[in-house]
Amino acid sequence: MDFKDLTLGIEEEYMVLDPQTRELKSHEQRIVEQAHKLIKDKVKAEMHQAVVEVGTQICRNIQEAQEDVIMLRKTIAQIAGDMGFSVGAAGTHPFSKWELQLITDHPRYIELLNEMQDAARSNLIFGLHVHVGMQNREMALHIANSARYFLPHIFALSTNSPFWEGRNTGFKSFRTKVFDKFPRTGIPDYFASIEEYDNYIKLLVKTNCIDNAKKVWWDLRVHPFFNTVEFRICDIPLTVEETITLAALFQAVCAKIHKLRSQNLNFIIYNRALVNENKWRASRYGIDGNLIDFGKEMEVNARALIYELLDFVDDVLDDLGIRTEVERTAKSWKPVPGPTNSWKCLKELAALRAW
């Protein structure tokens, strides 16, 4: 089966740090300005001045995506280092205070602050977004509807943000709890057709809820401008290997659902409320707890369900050329002793040379 349309794009958000104190530090967009000279529109500023976002080109396969992510990380790390900063990757910073962070002076961010107030100011989080290319928006919506079920499984693999403002929150991913304060976030609803989805967006625009479809910040969305399914649920991983493995898993899920569709089959659709139960469990326990198998109507160890996911996508891995990347899942995500305090957590998560 030819999956050439299932291209990849990866976006990552990095924290900019003082290399001595490990606190978040404003770079006044100097890193972005310098990076523009080297990688052009693959880098952009974010609302908080201690954040840098990068995005790959449209990649034909996982190997191209990995090469691009490595290049982007090395470029940002080198520029930051030359300016006296270091760079880290984790879903939240363990102890820096959001109240002390400077905001980028840009009309878009000022508008968001005016509307969202402290919900926006406190949104000091770092995520991974993966775009999977589609033939058309109709196919994108079909795949998004079914792929919602697997979001908590893959999200659980990414969880790495237990700390917030110096406290152990008890969650494996507190990043999602911070983002929950925004409207139009979380698991999306099921839409029966692309027309129904478009009418929903039009209604929000008409009633001044939003001025464009990019202000729909779901964990998974049909991108408003590109023919892609965009997965937005994961914490930003520390290593390139982890990022690429997660991207490969998302691509594999899309390919499997696409294959089922071509055979006039479909994965069962579960409603948003049920999928949300698993998302909450994933954010709280990561892969160390139980998720719900709604087919069996019972709790199942998260790792067991992830192995089931690997079995589910196995027959598309070779066609996509991602078997090595996906099979890393079983080897990489094993129980490890948790950090004892915020300082140790940041030292591990923000280890620049691990890139």
Protein backbone atom coordinates (compact mmCIF):
# COMPACT_ATOMS: atom_id res chain seq x y z
CA MET A 1 0.00 0.00 0.00
CA ASP A 2 1.32 3.44 -0.92
CA PHE A 3 1.32 5.89 1.97
CA LYS A 4 3.25 8.63 0.17
CA ASP A 5 0.62 11.24 1.12
CA LEU A 6 1.27 10.63 4.84
CA THR A 7 4.08 13.18 5.07
CA LEU A 8 5.39 14.42 8.41
CA GLY A 9 5.96 17.78 10.03
CA ILE A 10 7.23 18.20 13.60
CA GLU A 11 7.06 21.28 15.84
CA GLU A 12 8.92 21.54 19.15
CA GLU A 13 8.88 24.18 21.89
CA TYR A 14 12.09 24.67 23.88
CA MET A 15 12.79 26.46 27.15
CA VAL A 16 15.58 29.05 27.26
CA LEU A 17 17.63 28.85 30.46
CA ASP A 18 20.28 30.59 32.47
CA PRO A 19 23.06 27.94 32.41
CA GLN A 20 24.08 28.69 36.01
CA THR A 21 20.76 29.00 37.86
CA ARG A 22 18.74 26.85 35.42
CA GLU A 23 15.93 29.41 35.70
CA LEU A 24 13.95 30.35 32.63
CA LYS A 25 15.45 33.45 31.08
CA SER A 26 14.20 35.92 28.47
CA HIS A 27 16.30 35.97 25.32
CA GLU A 28 14.43 39.05 24.02
CA GLN A 29 13.93 37.14 20.74
CA ARG A 30 17.64 37.40 19.95
CA ILE A 31 17.83 33.63 19.44
CA VAL A 32 14.91 33.79 17.01
CA GLU A 33 16.37 36.75 15.13
CA GLN A 34 19.74 35.04 14.68
CA ALA A 35 18.14 31.69 13.79
CA HIS A 36 16.06 33.36 11.06
CA LYS A 37 19.30 34.05 9.22
CA LEU A 38 20.15 30.34 9.16
CA ILE A 39 16.87 28.42 9.11
CA LYS A 40 14.42 31.16 8.02
CA ASP A 41 10.80 30.40 8.87
CA LYS A 42 11.60 27.16 10.71
CA VAL A 43 11.87 29.15 13.95
CA LYS A 44 9.48 31.59 15.57
CA ALA A 45 8.87 33.47 18.78
CA GLU A 46 6.27 32.43 21.33
CA MET A 47 4.18 34.40 23.81
CA HIS A 48 6.71 34.04 26.62
CA GLN A 49 10.19 35.36 25.89
CA ALA A 50 11.82 32.30 27.47
CA VAL A 51 10.39 30.03 24.76
CA VAL A 52 11.60 29.20 21.23
CA GLU A 53 9.50 27.20 18.77
CA VAL A 54 10.87 25.36 15.75
CA GLY A 55 9.21 23.41 12.96
CA THR A 56 10.56 21.06 10.33
CA GLN A 57 9.93 21.22 6.62
CA ILE A 58 7.36 18.87 5.10
CA CYS A 59 9.19 15.55 5.38
CA ARG A 60 8.58 12.62 3.04
CA ASN A 61 9.47 10.04 5.69
CA ILE A 62 10.61 9.59 9.26
CA GLN A 63 14.28 9.66 8.28
CA GLU A 64 13.95 13.15 6.79
CA ALA A 65 12.06 14.25 9.88
CA GLN A 66 14.81 13.00 12.17
CA GLU A 67 17.51 14.77 10.17
CA ASP A 68 15.57 18.01 10.31
CA VAL A 69 14.87 17.79 14.05
CA ILE A 70 18.56 17.12 14.74
CA MET A 71 19.56 20.11 12.61
CA LEU A 72 17.03 22.39 14.32
CA ARG A 73 18.08 21.36 17.81
CA LYS A 74 21.77 21.76 17.05
CA THR A 75 21.19 25.16 15.46
CA ILE A 76 19.15 26.54 18.37
CA ALA A 77 21.53 25.04 20.93
CA GLN A 78 24.56 26.59 19.21
CA ILE A 79 22.99 30.02 18.87
CA ALA A 80 21.75 29.96 22.46
CA GLY A 81 25.14 28.84 23.73
CA ASP A 82 26.93 31.60 21.85
CA MET A 83 24.62 34.12 23.54
CA GLY A 84 25.19 32.73 27.03
CA PHE A 85 21.99 30.69 27.31
CA SER A 86 21.26 26.99 27.44
CA VAL A 87 18.20 25.19 26.12
CA GLY A 88 16.03 22.51 27.69
CA ALA A 89 13.09 20.29 26.85
CA ALA A 90 10.32 19.26 29.24
CA GLY A 91 6.58 19.88 29.36
CA THR A 92 6.93 22.38 32.22
CA HIS A 93 9.82 24.08 33.98
CA PRO A 94 10.11 22.58 37.48
CA PHE A 95 10.53 25.75 39.53
CA SER A 96 10.50 28.98 37.51
CA LYS A 97 7.53 31.28 38.26
CA TRP A 98 5.24 32.17 35.38
CA GLU A 99 4.44 35.48 37.08
CA LEU A 100 8.03 36.63 36.49
CA GLN A 101 8.21 35.82 32.78
CA LEU A 102 8.29 38.55 30.13
CA ILE A 103 5.74 38.55 27.32
CA THR A 104 6.63 39.04 23.65
CA ASP A 105 5.44 42.41 22.36
CA HIS A 106 3.29 41.29 19.44
CA PRO A 107 -0.34 42.18 18.60
CA ARG A 108 -1.39 38.53 18.54
CA TYR A 109 -0.09 37.89 22.05
CA ILE A 110 -1.41 41.17 23.44
CA GLU A 111 -4.84 40.24 22.09
CA LEU A 112 -4.65 36.83 23.74
CA LEU A 113 -3.61 38.39 27.06
CA ASN A 114 -6.48 40.86 26.94
CA GLU A 115 -8.94 38.06 26.33
CA MET A 116 -7.51 35.23 28.46
CA GLN A 117 -5.82 37.22 31.25
CA ASP A 118 -3.97 34.94 33.73
CA ALA A 119 -5.00 31.83 31.82
CA ALA A 120 -2.66 33.06 29.06
CA ARG A 121 0.03 34.51 31.32
CA SER A 122 0.36 31.23 33.20
CA ASN A 123 0.42 29.11 30.04
CA LEU A 124 4.16 28.52 30.39
CA ILE A 125 4.26 25.06 28.83
CA PHE A 126 6.25 23.23 26.19
CA GLY A 127 4.76 20.77 23.72
CA LEU A 128 5.36 18.57 20.71
CA HIS A 129 3.10 18.86 17.66
CA VAL A 130 3.14 16.27 14.89
CA HIS A 131 1.49 16.86 11.51
CA VAL A 132 0.61 13.89 9.30
CA GLY A 133 -0.22 14.79 5.70
CA MET A 134 -3.53 13.76 4.15
CA GLN A 135 -4.94 13.41 0.63
CA ASN A 136 -7.79 15.77 1.49
CA ARG A 137 -9.65 17.24 4.43
CA GLU A 138 -12.38 14.60 4.26
CA MET A 139 -9.83 11.85 4.88
CA ALA A 140 -8.17 13.98 7.56
CA LEU A 141 -11.43 14.25 9.49
CA HIS A 142 -12.16 10.54 9.14
CA ILE A 143 -8.75 9.67 10.55
CA ALA A 144 -8.98 12.28 13.30
CA ASN A 145 -12.33 10.87 14.47
CA SER A 146 -10.87 7.39 14.92
CA ALA A 147 -7.39 8.43 16.11
CA ARG A 148 -8.86 10.22 19.14
CA TYR A 149 -9.07 6.86 20.94
CA PHE A 150 -5.27 6.41 20.81
CA LEU A 151 -4.35 9.90 22.05
CA PRO A 152 -4.09 8.93 25.75
CA HIS A 153 -1.95 5.88 24.95
CA ILE A 154 0.70 7.89 23.08
CA PHE A 155 0.37 10.86 25.43
CA ALA A 156 1.16 8.56 28.37
CA LEU A 157 4.49 7.74 26.71
CA SER A 158 5.42 11.43 26.52
CA THR A 159 4.57 12.57 30.06
CA ASN A 160 7.54 14.36 31.65
CA SER A 161 6.17 17.42 33.50
CA PRO A 162 5.47 16.45 37.12
CA PHE A 163 6.71 19.72 38.61
CA TRP A 164 5.15 23.19 38.62
CA GLU A 165 6.56 26.25 40.42
CA GLY A 166 8.74 24.14 42.70
CA ARG A 167 6.08 21.62 43.69
CA ASN A 168 5.67 17.95 42.87
CA THR A 169 2.10 18.07 41.55
CA GLY A 170 1.51 14.33 41.74
CA PHE A 171 0.83 14.27 37.99
CA LYS A 172 3.09 12.73 35.38
CA SER A 173 2.03 15.57 33.05
CA PHE A 174 0.93 18.77 34.74
CA ARG A 175 1.37 20.57 31.42
CA THR A 176 -2.07 19.42 30.32
CA LYS A 177 -3.63 20.74 33.54
CA VAL A 178 -2.13 24.17 32.87
CA PHE A 179 -3.45 24.20 29.31
CA ASP A 180 -6.93 23.07 30.39
CA LYS A 181 -7.61 26.66 31.45
CA PHE A 182 -7.82 27.66 27.78
CA PRO A 183 -11.10 27.27 25.90
CA ARG A 184 -11.43 24.80 23.01
CA THR A 185 -8.75 22.44 24.33
CA GLY A 186 -8.66 18.73 25.11
CA ILE A 187 -10.11 15.80 23.20
CA PRO A 188 -12.23 16.98 20.24
CA ASP A 189 -15.79 15.93 19.55
CA TYR A 190 -16.76 13.54 16.78
CA PHE A 191 -17.81 15.26 13.54
CA ALA A 192 -19.89 13.30 11.04
CA SER A 193 -18.58 15.22 8.01
CA ILE A 194 -16.14 17.92 7.05
CA GLU A 195 -19.15 20.17 6.36
CA GLU A 196 -20.30 19.73 9.96
CA TYR A 197 -16.83 20.63 11.19
CA ASP A 198 -16.60 23.68 8.91
CA ASN A 199 -20.04 24.86 10.04
CA TYR A 200 -18.89 24.61 13.65
CA ILE A 201 -15.90 26.84 12.88
CA LYS A 202 -18.05 29.30 10.93
CA LEU A 203 -20.46 29.59 13.84
CA LEU A 204 -17.62 30.36 16.26
CA VAL A 205 -16.30 33.05 13.92
CA LYS A 206 -19.77 34.51 13.31
CA THR A 207 -20.48 34.77 17.05
CA ASN A 208 -17.06 36.34 17.82
CA CYS A 209 -15.83 33.36 19.83
CA ILE A 210 -12.77 33.21 17.58
CA ASP A 211 -11.47 35.17 14.60
CA ASN A 212 -9.81 32.19 12.91
CA ALA A 213 -9.73 28.41 13.16
CA LYS A 214 -6.22 28.33 14.66
CA LYS A 215 -7.80 29.32 17.97
CA VAL A 216 -9.22 25.83 18.24
CA TRP A 217 -6.49 24.25 20.37
CA TRP A 218 -7.64 20.64 20.63
CA ASP A 219 -5.27 17.76 21.32
CA LEU A 220 -5.95 16.63 17.76
CA ARG A 221 -7.30 18.75 14.95
CA VAL A 222 -7.76 18.90 11.23
CA HIS A 223 -5.40 21.75 10.50
CA PRO A 224 -7.28 24.86 9.35
CA PHE A 225 -4.86 25.71 6.54
CA PHE A 226 -3.02 22.52 5.59
CA ASN A 227 -4.21 19.05 4.61
CA THR A 228 -2.85 17.51 7.80
CA VAL A 229 -4.01 15.86 10.97
CA GLU A 230 -2.19 17.68 13.77
CA PHE A 231 -1.47 15.84 17.04
CA ARG A 232 -0.92 18.34 19.86
CA ILE A 233 -1.26 16.30 23.05
CA CYS A 234 2.33 15.37 23.94
CA ASP A 235 4.85 16.93 26.30
CA ILE A 236 8.03 17.92 24.47
CA PRO A 237 10.52 15.03 24.80
CA LEU A 238 14.09 15.52 25.96
CA THR A 239 15.74 13.55 23.17
CA VAL A 240 15.46 13.42 19.40
CA GLU A 241 14.95 9.66 19.58
CA GLU A 242 11.85 10.09 21.74
CA THR A 243 10.41 12.79 19.48
CA ILE A 244 10.89 10.63 16.40
CA THR A 245 9.37 7.57 18.06
CA LEU A 246 6.24 9.51 19.03
CA ALA A 247 5.97 10.99 15.53
CA ALA A 248 6.30 7.52 14.02
CA LEU A 249 3.53 6.21 16.27
CA PHE A 250 1.17 8.99 15.17
CA GLN A 251 2.01 8.32 11.53
CA ALA A 252 1.42 4.60 12.03
CA VAL A 253 -2.00 5.17 13.60
CA CYS A 254 -3.01 7.36 10.66
CA ALA A 255 -1.77 4.78 8.16
CA LYS A 256 -3.63 1.94 9.88
CA ILE A 257 -6.93 3.83 9.95
CA HIS A 258 -6.36 4.82 6.31
CA LYS A 259 -5.78 1.16 5.43
CA LEU A 260 -8.96 0.08 7.21
CA ARG A 261 -10.90 2.74 5.32
CA SER A 262 -9.57 1.44 1.99
CA GLN A 263 -10.99 -1.97 2.98
CA ASN A 264 -14.37 -0.47 3.91
CA LEU A 265 -13.58 -1.05 7.58
CA ASN A 266 -13.23 1.34 10.48
CA PHE A 267 -11.96 1.42 14.03
CA ILE A 268 -14.77 1.77 16.55
CA ILE A 269 -15.63 5.37 17.46
CA TYR A 270 -15.75 6.22 21.17
CA ASN A 271 -17.26 9.42 22.44
CA ARG A 272 -15.24 12.27 23.83
CA ALA A 273 -16.30 11.70 27.46
CA LEU A 274 -14.89 8.17 27.46
CA VAL A 275 -11.60 9.12 25.80
CA ASN A 276 -11.26 11.92 28.36
CA GLU A 277 -11.29 9.34 31.16
CA ASN A 278 -8.15 7.80 29.69
CA LYS A 279 -6.53 11.18 29.07
CA TRP A 280 -6.96 12.08 32.74
CA ARG A 281 -5.41 8.78 33.80
CA ALA A 282 -2.52 9.27 31.39
CA SER A 283 -1.80 12.75 32.73
CA ARG A 284 -1.97 11.52 36.33
CA TYR A 285 -0.07 8.22 36.08
CA GLY A 286 1.68 8.15 32.70
CA ILE A 287 2.49 4.56 31.74
CA ASP A 288 2.67 3.50 35.41
CA GLY A 289 -1.09 3.29 35.89
CA ASN A 290 -4.14 1.73 34.28
CA LEU A 291 -6.11 2.87 31.27
CA ILE A 292 -9.59 1.68 30.38
CA ASP A 293 -10.13 -0.81 27.59
CA PHE A 294 -13.59 0.32 26.54
CA GLY A 295 -14.07 -2.72 24.32
CA LYS A 296 -13.58 -5.06 27.30
CA GLU A 297 -15.08 -2.50 29.72
CA MET A 298 -12.29 -2.99 32.22
CA GLU A 299 -9.09 -1.41 33.55
CA VAL A 300 -5.91 -2.60 31.89
CA ASN A 301 -2.27 -1.80 32.65
CA ALA A 302 -1.22 1.10 30.42
CA ARG A 303 1.81 -0.77 29.12
CA ALA A 304 -0.40 -3.69 28.05
CA LEU A 305 -2.62 -1.34 26.03
CA ILE A 306 0.43 0.25 24.43
CA TYR A 307 1.61 -3.22 23.37
CA GLU A 308 -1.86 -3.75 21.87
CA LEU A 309 -1.42 -0.48 19.98
CA LEU A 310 1.90 -1.75 18.62
CA ASP A 311 0.19 -4.93 17.45
CA PHE A 312 -2.62 -2.89 15.87
CA VAL A 313 -0.26 -0.86 13.67
CA ASP A 314 2.27 -3.62 12.97
CA ASP A 315 1.11 -4.34 9.41
CA VAL A 316 1.77 -0.77 8.19
CA LEU A 317 5.23 -0.25 9.70
CA ASP A 318 7.25 -1.71 6.86
CA ASP A 319 5.32 0.18 4.17
CA LEU A 320 6.06 3.39 6.05
CA GLY A 321 9.67 2.44 6.80
CA ILE A 322 9.23 3.11 10.52
CA ARG A 323 9.55 -0.33 12.13
CA THR A 324 12.80 0.53 13.91
CA GLU A 325 11.37 3.79 15.27
CA VAL A 326 8.08 2.30 16.48
CA GLU A 327 9.64 -0.83 17.99
CA ARG A 328 11.84 1.44 20.12
CA THR A 329 8.69 2.09 22.16
CA ALA A 330 8.90 -1.23 23.97
CA LYS A 331 12.60 -0.73 24.71
CA SER A 332 12.66 2.94 25.66
CA TRP A 333 9.72 3.50 27.98
CA LYS A 334 10.60 1.45 31.05
CA PRO A 335 10.12 2.31 34.74
CA VAL A 336 12.89 4.53 36.09
CA PRO A 337 13.33 5.99 39.59
CA GLY A 338 11.73 9.42 39.78
CA PRO A 339 13.74 12.56 40.55
CA THR A 340 13.79 13.52 44.22
CA ASN A 341 13.45 17.26 43.75
CA SER A 342 12.90 19.98 41.19
CA TRP A 343 16.58 20.77 40.80
CA LYS A 344 17.47 17.18 39.92
CA CYS A 345 14.49 16.99 37.56
CA LEU A 346 15.62 20.05 35.61
CA LYS A 347 19.22 18.89 35.57
CA GLU A 348 18.05 15.68 33.90
CA LEU A 349 15.38 17.08 31.62
CA ALA A 350 17.22 20.17 30.46
CA ALA A 351 20.59 18.54 29.84
CA LEU A 352 21.53 20.43 26.71
CA ARG A 353 24.31 18.04 25.70
CA ALA A 354 21.83 15.16 25.64
CA TRP A 355 20.82 16.58 22.27
